[in-house]
Every structure is written in structure tokens, then in C-alpha cells.
């Protein structure tokens, strides 16, 4: 890529990002309450995205080859317990990641 092409690409990415960030404020600025579909999507999409991330992260786990998904299962169980106990998403993800990395690098 030439310097000009890189500049155009960066500009297009910046413009696209800024447009998606600001359009919602422009469209819904005058109304007091957003439409019901927007509220529904705001409520449902975070859980859907988290489910998608869980499925994506577990897609390559082999139950037939050692360690048979044991580190993943242990990390998921601990993540679920921490989240149920503290109700803190970032803490749950951090602890689950640390436990998984410890298990993979030190025990399995």
C-alpha cells in the first residue's frame, strides 16, 4: 500500500466509526424516549454477544483429545460461580481468564 492509500483507508475507517457513533445522537436527539425496538435491542444484544463469544471461544475444544476440555470446563465453572457471587462482569471475565491461563500453562 502506498502512503496515499493508507491515508485514505485510515480516513474511511475514522469516518465510518464516527458516523456510527454519532448517528444515534442525531436521530434520537429530539425524542425523549427511544423507540421500543431500540430499547429492546439495547436490552438483548449484550447477552447475545456474550453468548456468541462463549460459543466462539469453545468452538475448537476437542473432547476426544487430551486434556479433553477440562481446563475450559473448570474455568467456565469458576467464572460462573464468581459472576453469580459478585455480579461483576469484568471481574468474572478476568478471573476466568486468569484461571484458564494458569491451568493451561501450569497444569495441563
Protein backbone atom coordinates (compact mmCIF):
# COMPACT_ATOMS: atom_id res chain seq x y z
CA UNK A 1 0.00 0.00 0.00
CA UNK A 2 1.19 3.44 -0.80
CA UNK A 3 1.12 6.25 1.74
CA UNK A 4 -1.85 7.81 -0.07
CA UNK A 5 -3.83 4.55 0.04
CA UNK A 6 -3.07 4.11 3.74
CA UNK A 7 -4.23 7.66 4.42
CA UNK A 8 -7.48 7.04 2.52
CA UNK A 9 -8.05 3.76 4.34
CA UNK A 10 -7.48 5.32 7.75
CA UNK A 11 -9.75 8.22 6.82
CA UNK A 12 -12.52 5.86 5.69
CA UNK A 13 -12.25 3.84 8.92
CA UNK A 14 -12.34 7.00 11.04
CA UNK A 15 -15.30 8.37 9.11
CA UNK A 16 -17.20 5.09 9.38
CA UNK A 17 -16.52 4.82 13.11
CA UNK A 18 -17.51 8.41 13.81
CA UNK A 19 -20.66 8.10 11.71
CA UNK A 20 -21.87 5.01 13.58
CA UNK A 21 -21.14 6.67 16.92
CA UNK A 22 -22.87 9.99 16.20
CA UNK A 23 -25.85 8.99 14.04
CA UNK A 24 -27.80 7.68 17.03
CA UNK A 25 -27.41 11.02 18.81
CA UNK A 26 -28.55 12.89 15.73
CA UNK A 27 -31.53 10.62 15.02
CA UNK A 28 -32.80 10.36 18.60
CA UNK A 29 -31.78 13.80 19.90
CA UNK A 30 -35.26 15.33 19.77
CA UNK A 31 -37.23 12.46 21.22
CA UNK A 32 -37.31 11.93 24.94
CA UNK A 33 -37.55 8.16 24.77
CA UNK A 34 -36.10 5.95 22.01
CA UNK A 35 -38.40 3.65 20.05
CA UNK A 36 -39.31 0.31 21.61
CA UNK A 37 -37.17 -1.66 19.15
CA UNK A 38 -34.06 0.30 20.13
CA UNK A 39 -34.75 -0.29 23.83
CA UNK A 40 -35.31 -3.99 23.13
CA UNK A 41 -32.05 -4.28 21.19
CA UNK A 42 -30.21 -2.45 23.96
CA UNK A 43 -31.52 -4.98 26.45
CA UNK A 44 -30.98 -8.15 24.38
CA UNK A 45 -27.79 -7.58 22.39
CA UNK A 46 -25.27 -7.65 25.28
CA UNK A 47 -26.40 -11.15 26.32
CA UNK A 48 -26.44 -12.30 22.69
CA UNK A 49 -22.93 -11.00 22.12
CA UNK A 50 -21.65 -12.72 25.26
CA UNK A 51 -23.26 -15.99 24.17
CA UNK A 52 -21.66 -15.65 20.76
CA UNK A 53 -18.25 -15.03 22.35
CA UNK A 54 -18.60 -18.11 24.56
CA UNK A 55 -19.52 -20.29 21.58
CA UNK A 56 -16.67 -18.85 19.52
CA UNK A 57 -14.12 -19.39 22.28
CA UNK A 58 -15.18 -23.01 22.78
CA UNK A 59 -15.51 -23.99 19.12
CA UNK A 60 -12.07 -25.60 18.88
CA UNK A 61 -12.20 -27.53 22.15
CA UNK A 62 -11.72 -31.23 21.49
CA UNK A 63 -13.40 -33.64 23.88
CA UNK A 64 -11.59 -36.60 22.31
CA UNK A 65 -8.00 -35.35 22.67
CA UNK A 66 -6.16 -34.64 25.88
CA UNK A 67 -6.87 -32.58 28.02
CA UNK A 68 -10.48 -33.21 26.87
CA UNK A 69 -11.73 -29.69 27.57
CA UNK A 70 -11.05 -29.95 31.29
CA UNK A 71 -9.28 -26.55 31.63
CA UNK A 72 -12.09 -24.85 29.74
CA UNK A 73 -14.76 -26.53 31.87
CA UNK A 74 -13.01 -25.63 35.13
CA UNK A 75 -12.53 -22.01 34.02
CA UNK A 76 -16.19 -21.76 32.93
CA UNK A 77 -17.43 -23.18 36.25
CA UNK A 78 -15.27 -20.77 38.25
CA UNK A 79 -16.32 -17.89 36.00
CA UNK A 80 -19.98 -18.76 36.60
CA UNK A 81 -19.50 -19.00 40.36
CA UNK A 82 -17.67 -15.66 40.54
CA UNK A 83 -20.29 -13.97 38.41
CA UNK A 84 -23.18 -15.40 40.42
CA UNK A 85 -21.47 -14.35 43.65
CA UNK A 86 -20.27 -10.84 42.73
CA UNK A 87 -22.46 -9.88 39.71
CA UNK A 88 -19.46 -8.10 38.17
CA UNK A 89 -18.87 -8.92 34.52
CA UNK A 90 -15.31 -7.59 34.31
CA UNK A 91 -14.26 -9.40 37.48
CA UNK A 92 -15.81 -12.64 36.20
CA UNK A 93 -14.06 -12.41 32.83
CA UNK A 94 -10.72 -11.51 34.44
CA UNK A 95 -10.85 -14.35 36.97
CA UNK A 96 -12.00 -16.85 34.33
CA UNK A 97 -9.17 -15.82 32.01
CA UNK A 98 -6.55 -15.98 34.77
CA UNK A 99 -7.75 -19.41 35.91
CA UNK A 100 -7.79 -20.73 32.35
CA UNK A 101 -4.31 -19.41 31.56
CA UNK A 102 -2.94 -20.85 34.80
CA UNK A 103 -4.48 -24.25 34.10
CA UNK A 104 -3.24 -24.38 30.51
CA UNK A 105 0.27 -23.17 31.27
CA UNK A 106 0.96 -24.86 34.60
CA UNK A 107 -1.21 -27.96 34.97
CA UNK A 108 -2.24 -29.27 31.55
